[in-house]
Protein backbone atom coordinates (compact mmCIF):
# COMPACT_ATOMS: atom_id res chain seq x y z
CA UNK A 1 29.17 -6.00 -6.17
CA UNK A 2 28.36 -4.34 -2.93
CA UNK A 3 25.87 -5.53 -0.31
CA UNK A 4 23.39 -2.86 -1.26
CA UNK A 5 23.54 -3.80 -4.96
CA UNK A 6 22.61 -7.35 -4.03
CA UNK A 7 19.94 -6.31 -1.53
CA UNK A 8 17.93 -3.93 -3.83
CA UNK A 9 17.04 -6.57 -6.50
CA UNK A 10 15.93 -9.02 -3.86
CA UNK A 11 13.78 -6.40 -2.08
CA UNK A 12 12.27 -5.35 -5.45
CA UNK A 13 11.50 -8.97 -6.26
CA UNK A 14 9.73 -9.59 -3.00
CA UNK A 15 7.67 -6.41 -3.38
CA UNK A 16 6.52 -7.45 -6.85
CA UNK A 17 5.54 -10.86 -5.61
CA UNK A 18 3.52 -9.26 -2.81
CA UNK A 19 1.94 -6.86 -5.23
CA UNK A 20 0.79 -9.67 -7.64
CA UNK A 21 -0.27 -11.90 -4.82
CA UNK A 22 -2.99 -9.39 -3.69
CA UNK A 23 -5.02 -9.46 -6.94
CA UNK A 24 -4.38 -13.11 -7.54
CA UNK A 25 -5.94 -13.91 -4.22
CA UNK A 26 -9.05 -11.69 -4.69
CA UNK A 27 -11.22 -14.05 -6.96
CA UNK A 28 -12.83 -17.06 -5.56
CA UNK A 29 -11.87 -20.51 -6.73
CA UNK A 30 -14.87 -20.61 -9.16
CA UNK A 31 -13.93 -17.15 -10.51
CA UNK A 32 -10.35 -18.17 -10.96
CA UNK A 33 -11.35 -21.26 -12.95
CA UNK A 34 -13.59 -19.15 -15.16
CA UNK A 35 -10.70 -16.78 -15.78
CA UNK A 36 -8.49 -19.70 -16.79
CA UNK A 37 -11.16 -20.63 -19.30
CA UNK A 38 -10.98 -17.22 -20.85
CA UNK A 39 -7.60 -17.92 -22.57
CA UNK A 40 -8.65 -21.20 -24.04
CA UNK A 41 -9.28 -20.93 -27.82
CA UNK A 42 -12.17 -23.20 -28.81
CA UNK A 43 -11.53 -25.52 -31.77
CA UNK A 44 -14.07 -23.84 -34.00
CA UNK A 45 -12.87 -20.34 -33.31
CA UNK A 46 -9.88 -18.24 -34.00
CA UNK A 47 -9.83 -16.05 -30.84
CA UNK A 48 -10.18 -16.74 -27.14
CA UNK A 49 -12.95 -15.26 -25.07
CA UNK A 50 -10.32 -12.98 -23.56
CA UNK A 51 -9.38 -11.65 -26.96
CA UNK A 52 -13.12 -11.06 -27.79
CA UNK A 53 -13.68 -9.23 -24.53
CA UNK A 54 -10.71 -6.92 -24.55
CA UNK A 55 -11.77 -5.55 -27.99
CA UNK A 56 -14.55 -3.15 -27.95
CA UNK A 57 -17.15 -3.06 -30.68
CA UNK A 58 -16.18 -0.59 -33.37
CA UNK A 59 -19.44 -0.16 -35.28
CA UNK A 60 -21.56 2.77 -34.18
CA UNK A 61 -25.06 1.39 -34.64
CA UNK A 62 -27.86 -0.28 -32.88
CA UNK A 63 -26.15 -3.67 -33.42
CA UNK A 64 -22.83 -2.19 -32.05
CA UNK A 65 -24.54 -0.90 -28.93
CA UNK A 66 -26.10 -4.33 -28.45
CA UNK A 67 -22.61 -5.96 -28.77
CA UNK A 68 -21.15 -3.42 -26.26
CA UNK A 69 -23.94 -4.27 -23.74
CA UNK A 70 -23.39 -7.95 -24.15
CA UNK A 71 -19.70 -7.46 -23.62
CA UNK A 72 -20.49 -5.33 -20.48
CA UNK A 73 -22.67 -8.04 -19.06
CA UNK A 74 -20.04 -10.70 -19.83
CA UNK A 75 -17.37 -8.72 -17.96
CA UNK A 76 -19.69 -7.89 -14.98
CA UNK A 77 -20.53 -11.67 -14.67
CA UNK A 78 -17.04 -12.27 -13.47
CA UNK A 79 -17.70 -10.44 -10.25
CA UNK A 80 -14.50 -8.44 -10.29
CA UNK A 81 -16.40 -5.34 -9.03
CA UNK A 82 -16.86 -7.02 -5.68
CA UNK A 83 -13.20 -7.91 -5.11
CA UNK A 84 -11.49 -6.26 -2.17
CA UNK A 85 -8.40 -4.64 -3.75
CA UNK A 86 -7.86 -2.01 -0.92
CA UNK A 87 -4.46 -3.41 -0.33
CA UNK A 88 -3.27 -2.23 -3.72
CA UNK A 89 -2.26 1.39 -3.66
CA UNK A 90 -3.82 3.73 -6.28
CA UNK A 91 -1.30 4.89 -8.90
CA UNK A 92 -1.60 8.60 -7.90
CA UNK A 93 -1.18 7.98 -4.18
CA UNK A 94 2.35 6.59 -4.29
CA UNK A 95 4.89 9.34 -3.54
CA UNK A 96 7.40 8.06 -6.10
CA UNK A 97 4.87 8.23 -8.93
CA UNK A 98 4.57 11.69 -10.67
CA UNK A 99 1.33 13.33 -9.86
CA UNK A 100 -0.17 15.94 -12.19
CA UNK A 101 0.94 19.43 -11.51
CA UNK A 102 -1.63 21.72 -9.99
CA UNK A 103 -3.06 24.31 -12.37
CA UNK A 104 -1.09 27.48 -12.66
CA UNK A 105 -2.45 30.29 -10.54
CA UNK A 106 -4.77 32.65 -12.50
CA UNK A 107 -3.78 36.23 -12.57
CA UNK A 108 -6.02 38.46 -10.49
CA UNK A 109 -8.36 40.79 -12.45
CA UNK A 110 -7.19 44.31 -12.15
């Protein structure tokens, strides 16, 4: 095994730790505790709150719209919209990620 072969995995692992440390540090202690409670399954239920929130309502009715609004308010209550995540690069801005090709040039009208 060459020095480069040993160096690459270590560098990748450090980069991944840094990447995950940024969003993990974004919530306050209170928000982090609330997030931990999302995965707890209450004794009288079959699903955790996280499972409930990640599934969108499927019925297209007034009742379904009401459920969707309740879900939106529950998600918004976590305060994630206020977190500073500027240190995380956007997917399309990384040079090694493929970006969509520009549209083909249109032929000029003749």
